[in-house]
Amino acid sequence: MIEFTDAAALKMQEVLEEEGDSTLNLRVLIQGGGCSGFQYGFTLDKDYTEVDTVIENQGVKLLIDPISIQYLDGSKIDYTESFESSHFEIRNPNAVSTCGCGSSFAV
């Protein structure tokens, strides 16, 4: 199970309004690379198939492909905002180590 928080969904609503295309969805994916072995990626995607996992919150769809889902099981997709930064964040219980920037991890 993956948690797609209200904060992340509401921020995506803002992004989609700025893009002017309500047919876009947020895709989270895992790619090889990064300083820890794997890295997280976020894209806007119109298309998805029956093999994608689709999680909906606040009318926004989060898409995850079958390869990435195995690395993200139990994760929380969130959006955090502070005085210093604002960003989408993945809290992944499967990661045994992460890099300083938080965008790559090892399992």
PDB file of N, CA and C in Angstrom:
ATOM      1  N   MET A   1       0.840  -1.187   0.000  1.00  0.00           N
ATOM      2  CA  MET A   1       0.000   0.000   0.000  1.00  0.00           C
ATOM      3  C   MET A   1       0.885   1.249   0.000  1.00  0.00           C
ATOM      4  N   ILE A   2       0.483   2.217  -0.764  1.00  0.00           N
ATOM      5  CA  ILE A   2       1.204   3.484  -0.857  1.00  0.00           C
ATOM      6  C   ILE A   2       0.259   4.602  -0.449  1.00  0.00           C
ATOM      7  N   GLU A   3       0.759   5.515   0.373  1.00  0.00           N
ATOM      8  CA  GLU A   3      -0.051   6.645   0.809  1.00  0.00           C
ATOM      9  C   GLU A   3       0.281   7.868  -0.043  1.00  0.00           C
ATOM     10  N   PHE A   4      -0.732   8.437  -0.647  1.00  0.00           N
ATOM     11  CA  PHE A   4      -0.635   9.670  -1.431  1.00  0.00           C
ATOM     12  C   PHE A   4      -1.356  10.732  -0.603  1.00  0.00           C
ATOM     13  N   THR A   5      -0.583  11.583   0.079  1.00  0.00           N
ATOM     14  CA  THR A   5      -1.157  12.493   1.073  1.00  0.00           C
ATOM     15  C   THR A   5      -2.006  13.599   0.451  1.00  0.00           C
ATOM     16  N   ASP A   6      -2.856  14.173   1.290  1.00  0.00           N
ATOM     17  CA  ASP A   6      -3.664  15.318   0.864  1.00  0.00           C
ATOM     18  C   ASP A   6      -2.774  16.470   0.417  1.00  0.00           C
ATOM     19  N   ALA A   7      -1.686  16.721   1.150  1.00  0.00           N
ATOM     20  CA  ALA A   7      -0.785  17.826   0.803  1.00  0.00           C
ATOM     21  C   ALA A   7      -0.206  17.645  -0.596  1.00  0.00           C
ATOM     22  N   ALA A   8       0.204  16.422  -0.941  1.00  0.00           N
ATOM     23  CA  ALA A   8       0.760  16.151  -2.272  1.00  0.00           C
ATOM     24  C   ALA A   8      -0.318  16.297  -3.341  1.00  0.00           C
ATOM     25  N   ALA A   9      -1.514  15.793  -3.069  1.00  0.00           N
ATOM     26  CA  ALA A   9      -2.598  15.875  -4.044  1.00  0.00           C
ATOM     27  C   ALA A   9      -3.023  17.323  -4.281  1.00  0.00           C
ATOM     28  N   LEU A  10      -3.113  18.112  -3.212  1.00  0.00           N
ATOM     29  CA  LEU A  10      -3.506  19.511  -3.358  1.00  0.00           C
ATOM     30  C   LEU A  10      -2.452  20.314  -4.121  1.00  0.00           C
ATOM     31  N   LYS A  11      -1.171  20.017  -3.877  1.00  0.00           N
ATOM     32  CA  LYS A  11      -0.106  20.692  -4.631  1.00  0.00           C
ATOM     33  C   LYS A  11      -0.197  20.312  -6.105  1.00  0.00           C
ATOM     34  N   MET A  12      -0.496  19.040  -6.376  1.00  0.00           N
ATOM     35  CA  MET A  12      -0.639  18.617  -7.777  1.00  0.00           C
ATOM     36  C   MET A  12      -1.815  19.314  -8.441  1.00  0.00           C
ATOM     37  N   GLN A  13      -2.885  19.564  -7.711  1.00  0.00           N
ATOM     38  CA  GLN A  13      -4.004  20.329  -8.270  1.00  0.00           C
ATOM     39  C   GLN A  13      -3.521  21.702  -8.730  1.00  0.00           C
ATOM     40  N   GLU A  14      -2.688  22.353  -7.923  1.00  0.00           N
ATOM     41  CA  GLU A  14      -2.118  23.649  -8.286  1.00  0.00           C
ATOM     42  C   GLU A  14      -1.273  23.540  -9.545  1.00  0.00           C
ATOM     43  N   VAL A  15      -0.425  22.506  -9.602  1.00  0.00           N
ATOM     44  CA  VAL A  15       0.449  22.300 -10.765  1.00  0.00           C
ATOM     45  C   VAL A  15      -0.387  22.099 -12.027  1.00  0.00           C
ATOM     46  N   LEU A  16      -1.420  21.287 -11.925  1.00  0.00           N
ATOM     47  CA  LEU A  16      -2.267  21.013 -13.091  1.00  0.00           C
ATOM     48  C   LEU A  16      -3.009  22.266 -13.545  1.00  0.00           C
ATOM     49  N   GLU A  17      -3.425  23.099 -12.605  1.00  0.00           N
ATOM     50  CA  GLU A  17      -4.058  24.367 -12.967  1.00  0.00           C
ATOM     51  C   GLU A  17      -3.073  25.262 -13.701  1.00  0.00           C
ATOM     52  N   GLU A  18      -1.831  25.316 -13.228  1.00  0.00           N
ATOM     53  CA  GLU A  18      -0.795  26.111 -13.890  1.00  0.00           C
ATOM     54  C   GLU A  18      -0.501  25.585 -15.287  1.00  0.00           C
ATOM     55  N   GLU A  19      -0.505  24.248 -15.442  1.00  0.00           N
ATOM     56  CA  GLU A  19      -0.257  23.625 -16.746  1.00  0.00           C
ATOM     57  C   GLU A  19      -1.432  23.832 -17.698  1.00  0.00           C
ATOM     58  N   GLY A  20      -2.620  24.057 -17.143  1.00  0.00           N
ATOM     59  CA  GLY A  20      -3.800  24.253 -17.973  1.00  0.00           C
ATOM     60  C   GLY A  20      -4.285  22.976 -18.638  1.00  0.00           C
ATOM     61  N   ASP A  21      -3.959  21.823 -18.046  1.00  0.00           N
ATOM     62  CA  ASP A  21      -4.355  20.542 -18.637  1.00  0.00           C
ATOM     63  C   ASP A  21      -4.790  19.594 -17.524  1.00  0.00           C
ATOM     64  N   SER A  22      -6.074  19.475 -17.340  1.00  0.00           N
ATOM     65  CA  SER A  22      -6.599  18.642 -16.256  1.00  0.00           C
ATOM     66  C   SER A  22      -6.531  17.151 -16.567  1.00  0.00           C
ATOM     67  N   THR A  23      -6.078  16.778 -17.770  1.00  0.00           N
ATOM     68  CA  THR A  23      -5.959  15.354 -18.110  1.00  0.00           C
ATOM     69  C   THR A  23      -4.619  14.766 -17.676  1.00  0.00           C
ATOM     70  N   LEU A  24      -3.725  15.596 -17.154  1.00  0.00           N
ATOM     71  CA  LEU A  24      -2.420  15.109 -16.707  1.00  0.00           C
ATOM     72  C   LEU A  24      -2.530  14.433 -15.346  1.00  0.00           C
ATOM     73  N   ASN A  25      -1.652  13.478 -15.116  1.00  0.00           N
ATOM     74  CA  ASN A  25      -1.559  12.752 -13.853  1.00  0.00           C
ATOM     75  C   ASN A  25      -0.109  12.803 -13.383  1.00  0.00           C
ATOM     76  N   LEU A  26       0.098  12.566 -12.095  1.00  0.00           N
ATOM     77  CA  LEU A  26       1.449  12.508 -11.536  1.00  0.00           C
ATOM     78  C   LEU A  26       1.936  11.071 -11.582  1.00  0.00           C
ATOM     79  N   ARG A  27       3.069  10.850 -12.244  1.00  0.00           N
ATOM     80  CA  ARG A  27       3.673   9.525 -12.280  1.00  0.00           C
ATOM     81  C   ARG A  27       4.928   9.539 -11.417  1.00  0.00           C
ATOM     82  N   VAL A  28       5.026   8.553 -10.527  1.00  0.00           N
ATOM     83  CA  VAL A  28       6.218   8.354  -9.710  1.00  0.00           C
ATOM     84  C   VAL A  28       6.902   7.108 -10.246  1.00  0.00           C
ATOM     85  N   LEU A  29       8.210   7.189 -10.436  1.00  0.00           N
ATOM     86  CA  LEU A  29       8.927   6.038 -10.974  1.00  0.00           C
ATOM     87  C   LEU A  29      10.287   5.885 -10.325  1.00  0.00           C
ATOM     88  N   ILE A  30      10.797   4.683 -10.420  1.00  0.00           N
ATOM     89  CA  ILE A  30      12.127   4.353  -9.915  1.00  0.00           C
ATOM     90  C   ILE A  30      13.014   4.077 -11.116  1.00  0.00           C
ATOM     91  N   GLN A  31      14.196   4.682 -11.126  1.00  0.00           N
ATOM     92  CA  GLN A  31      15.161   4.490 -12.202  1.00  0.00           C
ATOM     93  C   GLN A  31      16.490   4.068 -11.599  1.00  0.00           C
ATOM     94  N   GLY A  32      17.262   3.330 -12.356  1.00  0.00           N
ATOM     95  CA  GLY A  32      18.621   3.019 -11.935  1.00  0.00           C
ATOM     96  C   GLY A  32      19.461   4.280 -11.995  1.00  0.00           C
ATOM     97  N   GLY A  33      20.435   4.374 -11.110  1.00  0.00           N
ATOM     98  CA  GLY A  33      21.319   5.539 -11.101  1.00  0.00           C
ATOM     99  C   GLY A  33      21.255   6.257  -9.781  1.00  0.00           C
ATOM    100  N   GLY A  34      21.751   7.456  -9.785  1.00  0.00           N
ATOM    101  CA  GLY A  34      21.808   8.208  -8.532  1.00  0.00           C
ATOM    102  C   GLY A  34      22.995   7.734  -7.712  1.00  0.00           C
ATOM    103  N   CYS A  35      23.340   8.461  -6.712  1.00  0.00           N
ATOM    104  CA  CYS A  35      24.531   8.126  -5.929  1.00  0.00           C
ATOM    105  C   CYS A  35      24.322   6.918  -5.024  1.00  0.00           C
ATOM    106  N   SER A  36      23.073   6.485  -4.813  1.00  0.00           N
ATOM    107  CA  SER A  36      22.832   5.334  -3.944  1.00  0.00           C
ATOM    108  C   SER A  36      22.368   4.082  -4.695  1.00  0.00           C
ATOM    109  N   GLY A  37      22.235   4.151  -6.007  1.00  0.00           N
ATOM    110  CA  GLY A  37      21.848   2.976  -6.788  1.00  0.00           C
ATOM    111  C   GLY A  37      20.543   3.119  -7.542  1.00  0.00           C
ATOM    112  N   PHE A  38      19.522   3.644  -6.894  1.00  0.00           N
ATOM    113  CA  PHE A  38      18.234   3.917  -7.532  1.00  0.00           C
ATOM    114  C   PHE A  38      17.883   5.370  -7.270  1.00  0.00           C
ATOM    115  N   GLN A  39      17.058   5.941  -8.154  1.00  0.00           N
ATOM    116  CA  GLN A  39      16.610   7.303  -7.916  1.00  0.00           C
ATOM    117  C   GLN A  39      15.120   7.423  -8.221  1.00  0.00           C
ATOM    118  N   TYR A  40      14.480   8.328  -7.503  1.00  0.00           N
ATOM    119  CA  TYR A  40      13.073   8.603  -7.697  1.00  0.00           C
ATOM    120  C   TYR A  40      12.907   9.583  -8.847  1.00  0.00           C
ATOM    121  N   GLY A  41      11.808   9.441  -9.556  1.00  0.00           N
ATOM    122  CA  GLY A  41      11.481  10.393 -10.605  1.00  0.00           C
ATOM    123  C   GLY A  41      10.002  10.743 -10.546  1.00  0.00           C
ATOM    124  N   PHE A  42       9.688  11.964 -10.932  1.00  0.00           N
ATOM    125  CA  PHE A  42       8.311  12.433 -11.023  1.00  0.00           C
ATOM    126  C   PHE A  42       8.107  12.983 -12.428  1.00  0.00           C
ATOM    127  N   THR A  43       7.022  12.607 -13.070  1.00  0.00           N
ATOM    128  CA  THR A  43       6.681  13.159 -14.373  1.00  0.00           C
ATOM    129  C   THR A  43       5.184  13.423 -14.420  1.00  0.00           C
ATOM    130  N   LEU A  44       4.779  14.236 -15.376  1.00  0.00           N
ATOM    131  CA  LEU A  44       3.366  14.425 -15.669  1.00  0.00           C
ATOM    132  C   LEU A  44       3.051  13.537 -16.856  1.00  0.00           C
ATOM    133  N   ASP A  45       1.984  12.775 -16.761  1.00  0.00           N
ATOM    134  CA  ASP A  45       1.679  11.765 -17.772  1.00  0.00           C
ATOM    135  C   ASP A  45       0.181  11.726 -18.030  1.00  0.00           C
ATOM    136  N   LYS A  46      -0.195  11.733 -19.296  1.00  0.00           N
ATOM    137  CA  LYS A  46      -1.614  11.610 -19.655  1.00  0.00           C
ATOM    138  C   LYS A  46      -2.043  10.154 -19.721  1.00  0.00           C
ATOM    139  N   ASP A  47      -1.123   9.297 -20.098  1.00  0.00           N
ATOM    140  CA  ASP A  47      -1.485   7.918 -20.404  1.00  0.00           C
ATOM    141  C   ASP A  47      -1.135   6.957 -19.284  1.00  0.00           C
ATOM    142  N   TYR A  48      -2.007   5.995 -19.069  1.00  0.00           N
ATOM    143  CA  TYR A  48      -1.725   4.883 -18.180  1.00  0.00           C
ATOM    144  C   TYR A  48      -2.520   3.682 -18.661  1.00  0.00           C
ATOM    145  N   THR A  49      -2.059   2.505 -18.258  1.00  0.00           N
ATOM    146  CA  THR A  49      -2.700   1.272 -18.693  1.00  0.00           C
ATOM    147  C   THR A  49      -3.163   0.475 -17.488  1.00  0.00           C
ATOM    148  N   GLU A  50      -3.773  -0.662 -17.750  1.00  0.00           N
ATOM    149  CA  GLU A  50      -4.287  -1.507 -16.669  1.00  0.00           C
ATOM    150  C   GLU A  50      -3.180  -2.097 -15.808  1.00  0.00           C
ATOM    151  N   VAL A  51      -1.934  -2.095 -16.263  1.00  0.00           N
ATOM    152  CA  VAL A  51      -0.840  -2.620 -15.444  1.00  0.00           C
ATOM    153  C   VAL A  51      -0.303  -1.587 -14.445  1.00  0.00           C
ATOM    154  N   ASP A  52      -0.636  -0.316 -14.661  1.00  0.00           N
ATOM    155  CA  ASP A  52      -0.230   0.728 -13.721  1.00  0.00           C
ATOM    156  C   ASP A  52      -1.093   0.669 -12.467  1.00  0.00           C
ATOM    157  N   THR A  53      -0.491   0.967 -11.330  1.00  0.00           N
ATOM    158  CA  THR A  53      -1.251   1.177 -10.105  1.00  0.00           C
ATOM    159  C   THR A  53      -1.704   2.632 -10.121  1.00  0.00           C
ATOM    160  N   VAL A  54      -2.981   2.853  -9.854  1.00  0.00           N
ATOM    161  CA  VAL A  54      -3.545   4.199  -9.850  1.00  0.00           C
ATOM    162  C   VAL A  54      -4.106   4.474  -8.457  1.00  0.00           C
ATOM    163  N   ILE A  55      -3.602   5.523  -7.831  1.00  0.00           N
ATOM    164  CA  ILE A  55      -4.079   5.949  -6.519  1.00  0.00           C
ATOM    165  C   ILE A  55      -4.632   7.353  -6.684  1.00  0.00           C
ATOM    166  N   GLU A  56      -5.871   7.552  -6.271  1.00  0.00           N
ATOM    167  CA  GLU A  56      -6.507   8.858  -6.454  1.00  0.00           C
ATOM    168  C   GLU A  56      -6.764   9.527  -5.109  1.00  0.00           C
ATOM    169  N   ASN A  57      -6.473  10.830  -5.062  1.00  0.00           N
ATOM    170  CA  ASN A  57      -6.752  11.638  -3.881  1.00  0.00           C
ATOM    171  C   ASN A  57      -7.067  13.046  -4.357  1.00  0.00           C
ATOM    172  N   GLN A  58      -8.126  13.637  -3.841  1.00  0.00           N
ATOM    173  CA  GLN A  58      -8.516  15.007  -4.172  1.00  0.00           C
ATOM    174  C   GLN A  58      -8.721  15.184  -5.682  1.00  0.00           C
ATOM    175  N   GLY A  59      -9.108  14.122  -6.385  1.00  0.00           N
ATOM    176  CA  GLY A  59      -9.320  14.187  -7.830  1.00  0.00           C
ATOM    177  C   GLY A  59      -8.049  14.083  -8.652  1.00  0.00           C
ATOM    178  N   VAL A  60      -6.905  13.887  -8.019  1.00  0.00           N
ATOM    179  CA  VAL A  60      -5.618  13.767  -8.708  1.00  0.00           C
ATOM    180  C   VAL A  60      -5.201  12.301  -8.701  1.00  0.00           C
ATOM    181  N   LYS A  61      -4.738  11.818  -9.857  1.00  0.00           N
ATOM    182  CA  LYS A  61      -4.293  10.432  -9.955  1.00  0.00           C
ATOM    183  C   LYS A  61      -2.774  10.346  -9.875  1.00  0.00           C
ATOM    184  N   LEU A  62      -2.317   9.430  -9.026  1.00  0.00           N
ATOM    185  CA  LEU A  62      -0.905   9.091  -8.897  1.00  0.00           C
ATOM    186  C   LEU A  62      -0.728   7.763  -9.620  1.00  0.00           C
ATOM    187  N   LEU A  63       0.197   7.704 -10.569  1.00  0.00           N
ATOM    188  CA  LEU A  63       0.435   6.509 -11.369  1.00  0.00           C
ATOM    189  C   LEU A  63       1.781   5.894 -11.010  1.00  0.00           C
ATOM    190  N   ILE A  64       1.805   4.554 -10.918  1.00  0.00           N
ATOM    191  CA  ILE A  64       3.056   3.842 -10.631  1.00  0.00           C
ATOM    192  C   ILE A  64       3.106   2.598 -11.496  1.00  0.00           C
ATOM    193  N   ASP A  65       4.202   2.420 -12.230  1.00  0.00           N
ATOM    194  CA  ASP A  65       4.354   1.256 -13.099  1.00  0.00           C
ATOM    195  C   ASP A  65       4.666   0.008 -12.276  1.00  0.00           C
ATOM    196  N   PRO A  66       4.495  -1.189 -12.869  1.00  0.00           N
ATOM    197  CA  PRO A  66       4.676  -2.438 -12.119  1.00  0.00           C
ATOM    198  C   PRO A  66       6.085  -2.669 -11.575  1.00  0.00           C
ATOM    199  N   ILE A  67       7.104  -2.189 -12.234  1.00  0.00           N
ATOM    200  CA  ILE A  67       8.474  -2.354 -11.742  1.00  0.00           C
ATOM    201  C   ILE A  67       8.695  -1.456 -10.523  1.00  0.00           C
ATOM    202  N   SER A  68       8.275  -0.209 -10.620  1.00  0.00           N
ATOM    203  CA  SER A  68       8.488   0.755  -9.537  1.00  0.00           C
ATOM    204  C   SER A  68       7.694   0.416  -8.286  1.00  0.00           C
ATOM    205  N   ILE A  69       6.507  -0.154  -8.458  1.00  0.00           N
ATOM    206  CA  ILE A  69       5.641  -0.420  -7.302  1.00  0.00           C
ATOM    207  C   ILE A  69       6.315  -1.340  -6.291  1.00  0.00           C
ATOM    208  N   GLN A  70       7.124  -2.279  -6.781  1.00  0.00           N
ATOM    209  CA  GLN A  70       7.770  -3.212  -5.849  1.00  0.00           C
ATOM    210  C   GLN A  70       8.771  -2.516  -4.931  1.00  0.00           C
ATOM    211  N   TYR A  71       9.357  -1.409  -5.377  1.00  0.00           N
ATOM    212  CA  TYR A  71      10.303  -0.657  -4.557  1.00  0.00           C
ATOM    213  C   TYR A  71       9.612   0.382  -3.670  1.00  0.00           C
ATOM    214  N   LEU A  72       8.367   0.708  -3.997  1.00  0.00           N
ATOM    215  CA  LEU A  72       7.649   1.759  -3.283  1.00  0.00           C
ATOM    216  C   LEU A  72       6.620   1.240  -2.292  1.00  0.00           C
ATOM    217  N   ASP A  73       6.445  -0.063  -2.203  1.00  0.00           N
ATOM    218  CA  ASP A  73       5.435  -0.623  -1.310  1.00  0.00           C
ATOM    219  C   ASP A  73       5.625  -0.102   0.120  1.00  0.00           C
ATOM    220  N   GLY A  74       4.581   0.431   0.694  1.00  0.00           N
ATOM    221  CA  GLY A  74       4.632   0.961   2.050  1.00  0.00           C
ATOM    222  C   GLY A  74       5.081   2.410   2.128  1.00  0.00           C
ATOM    223  N   SER A  75       5.369   3.036   0.993  1.00  0.00           N
ATOM    224  CA  SER A  75       5.882   4.410   0.981  1.00  0.00           C
ATOM    225  C   SER A  75       4.782   5.442   1.151  1.00  0.00           C
ATOM    226  N   LYS A  76       5.227   6.636   1.506  1.00  0.00           N
ATOM    227  CA  LYS A  76       4.342   7.784   1.635  1.00  0.00           C
ATOM    228  C   LYS A  76       4.825   8.848   0.657  1.00  0.00           C
ATOM    229  N   ILE A  77       3.941   9.267  -0.255  1.00  0.00           N
ATOM    230  CA  ILE A  77       4.245  10.342  -1.200  1.00  0.00           C
ATOM    231  C   ILE A  77       3.631  11.603  -0.615  1.00  0.00           C
ATOM    232  N   ASP A  78       4.473  12.586  -0.301  1.00  0.00           N
ATOM    233  CA  ASP A  78       4.016  13.768   0.413  1.00  0.00           C
ATOM    234  C   ASP A  78       4.578  15.022  -0.251  1.00  0.00           C
ATOM    235  N   TYR A  79       4.054  16.152   0.148  1.00  0.00           N
ATOM    236  CA  TYR A  79       4.590  17.444  -0.273  1.00  0.00           C
ATOM    237  C   TYR A  79       4.870  18.232   0.991  1.00  0.00           C
ATOM    238  N   THR A  80       6.093  18.706   1.118  1.00  0.00           N
ATOM    239  CA  THR A  80       6.466  19.475   2.304  1.00  0.00           C
ATOM    240  C   THR A  80       6.872  20.880   1.893  1.00  0.00           C
ATOM    241  N   GLU A  81       6.538  21.814   2.758  1.00  0.00           N
ATOM    242  CA  GLU A  81       6.844  23.209   2.501  1.00  0.00           C
ATOM    243  C   GLU A  81       7.411  23.807   3.779  1.00  0.00           C
ATOM    244  N   SER A  82       8.558  24.452   3.655  1.00  0.00           N
ATOM    245  CA  SER A  82       9.168  25.111   4.805  1.00  0.00           C
ATOM    246  C   SER A  82       9.777  26.426   4.343  1.00  0.00           C
ATOM    247  N   PHE A  83      10.354  27.129   5.279  1.00  0.00           N
ATOM    248  CA  PHE A  83      11.007  28.398   4.959  1.00  0.00           C
ATOM    249  C   PHE A  83      12.152  28.185   3.968  1.00  0.00           C
ATOM    250  N   GLU A  84      12.855  27.063   4.097  1.00  0.00           N
ATOM    251  CA  GLU A  84      14.031  26.803   3.273  1.00  0.00           C
ATOM    252  C   GLU A  84      13.727  26.164   1.930  1.00  0.00           C
ATOM    253  N   SER A  85      12.665  25.329   1.853  1.00  0.00           N
ATOM    254  CA  SER A  85      12.393  24.638   0.588  1.00  0.00           C
ATOM    255  C   SER A  85      10.972  24.106   0.553  1.00  0.00           C
ATOM    256  N   SER A  86      10.567  23.725  -0.610  1.00  0.00           N
ATOM    257  CA  SER A  86       9.299  23.025  -0.793  1.00  0.00           C
ATOM    258  C   SER A  86       9.526  21.989  -1.885  1.00  0.00           C
ATOM    259  N   HIS A  87       9.010  20.775  -1.645  1.00  0.00           N
ATOM    260  CA  HIS A  87       9.256  19.705  -2.602  1.00  0.00           C
ATOM    261  C   HIS A  87       8.365  18.491  -2.321  1.00  0.00           C
ATOM    262  N   PHE A  88       8.205  17.683  -3.377  1.00  0.00           N
ATOM    263  CA  PHE A  88       7.568  16.387  -3.195  1.00  0.00           C
ATOM    264  C   PHE A  88       8.596  15.483  -2.534  1.00  0.00           C
ATOM    265  N   GLU A  89       8.113  14.611  -1.660  1.00  0.00           N
ATOM    266  CA  GLU A  89       9.012  13.773  -0.873  1.00  0.00           C
ATOM    267  C   GLU A  89       8.456  12.350  -0.826  1.00  0.00           C
ATOM    268  N   ILE A  90       9.356  11.390  -0.911  1.00  0.00           N
ATOM    269  CA  ILE A  90       8.978   9.990  -0.770  1.00  0.00           C
ATOM    270  C   ILE A  90       9.626   9.453   0.486  1.00  0.00           C
ATOM    271  N   ARG A  91       8.800   8.986   1.398  1.00  0.00           N
ATOM    272  CA  ARG A  91       9.308   8.320   2.599  1.00  0.00           C
ATOM    273  C   ARG A  91       9.144   6.825   2.363  1.00  0.00           C
ATOM    274  N   ASN A  92      10.268   6.169   2.099  1.00  0.00           N
ATOM    275  CA  ASN A  92      10.274   4.779   1.654  1.00  0.00           C
ATOM    276  C   ASN A  92      10.861   3.868   2.732  1.00  0.00           C
ATOM    277  N   PRO A  93      10.030   3.001   3.334  1.00  0.00           N
ATOM    278  CA  PRO A  93      10.542   2.113   4.379  1.00  0.00           C
ATOM    279  C   PRO A  93      11.442   1.002   3.835  1.00  0.00           C
ATOM    280  N   ASN A  94      11.466   0.816   2.518  1.00  0.00           N
ATOM    281  CA  ASN A  94      12.295  -0.217   1.898  1.00  0.00           C
ATOM    282  C   ASN A  94      13.728   0.245   1.669  1.00  0.00           C
ATOM    283  N   ALA A  95      13.974   1.538   1.749  1.00  0.00           N
ATOM    284  CA  ALA A  95      15.312   2.078   1.498  1.00  0.00           C
ATOM    285  C   ALA A  95      16.205   1.810   2.710  1.00  0.00           C
ATOM    286  N   VAL A  96      17.324   1.141   2.471  1.00  0.00           N
ATOM    287  CA  VAL A  96      18.267   0.869   3.559  1.00  0.00           C
ATOM    288  C   VAL A  96      19.277   2.004   3.717  1.00  0.00           C
ATOM    289  N   SER A  97      19.435   2.793   2.658  1.00  0.00           N
ATOM    290  CA  SER A  97      20.263   3.993   2.746  1.00  0.00           C
ATOM    291  C   SER A  97      19.784   4.988   1.697  1.00  0.00           C
ATOM    292  N   THR A  98      20.024   6.264   1.956  1.00  0.00           N
ATOM    293  CA  THR A  98      19.647   7.319   1.023  1.00  0.00           C
ATOM    294  C   THR A  98      20.802   8.296   0.905  1.00  0.00           C
ATOM    295  N   CYS A  99      20.758   9.108  -0.139  1.00  0.00           N
ATOM    296  CA  CYS A  99      21.788  10.134  -0.293  1.00  0.00           C
ATOM    297  C   CYS A  99      21.344  11.389   0.447  1.00  0.00           C
ATOM    298  N   GLY A 100      22.199  12.355   0.517  1.00  0.00           N
ATOM    299  CA  GLY A 100      21.906  13.590   1.228  1.00  0.00           C
ATOM    300  C   GLY A 100      20.760  14.381   0.635  1.00  0.00           C
ATOM    301  N   CYS A 101      20.586  14.309  -0.670  1.00  0.00           N
ATOM    302  CA  CYS A 101      19.522  15.102  -1.301  1.00  0.00           C
ATOM    303  C   CYS A 101      18.160  14.406  -1.196  1.00  0.00           C
ATOM    304  N   GLY A 102      18.153  13.111  -0.870  1.00  0.00           N
ATOM    305  CA  GLY A 102      16.898  12.395  -0.703  1.00  0.00           C
ATOM    306  C   GLY A 102      16.281  11.898  -1.983  1.00  0.00           C
ATOM    307  N   SER A 103      16.944  12.080  -3.127  1.00  0.00           N
ATOM    308  CA  SER A 103      16.346  11.630  -4.381  1.00  0.00           C
ATOM    309  C   SER A 103      16.881  10.285  -4.859  1.00  0.00           C
ATOM    310  N   SER A 104      17.859   9.717  -4.157  1.00  0.00           N
ATOM    311  CA  SER A 104      18.313   8.377  -4.515  1.00  0.00           C
ATOM    312  C   SER A 104      18.407   7.508  -3.258  1.00  0.00           C
ATOM    313  N   PHE A 105      18.361   6.198  -3.487  1.00  0.00           N
ATOM    314  CA  PHE A 105      18.311   5.259  -2.367  1.00  0.00           C
ATOM    315  C   PHE A 105      18.851   3.911  -2.780  1.00  0.00           C
ATOM    316  N   ALA A 106      19.108   3.066  -1.792  1.00  0.00           N
ATOM    317  CA  ALA A 106      19.520   1.684  -2.011  1.00  0.00           C
ATOM    318  C   ALA A 106      18.554   0.783  -1.251  1.00  0.00           C
ATOM    319  N   VAL A 107      18.352  -0.427  -1.800  1.00  0.00           N
ATOM    320  CA  VAL A 107      17.488  -1.413  -1.117  1.00  0.00           C
ATOM    321  C   VAL A 107      18.298  -2.612  -0.715  1.00  0.00           C
TER     322      VAL A 107
END
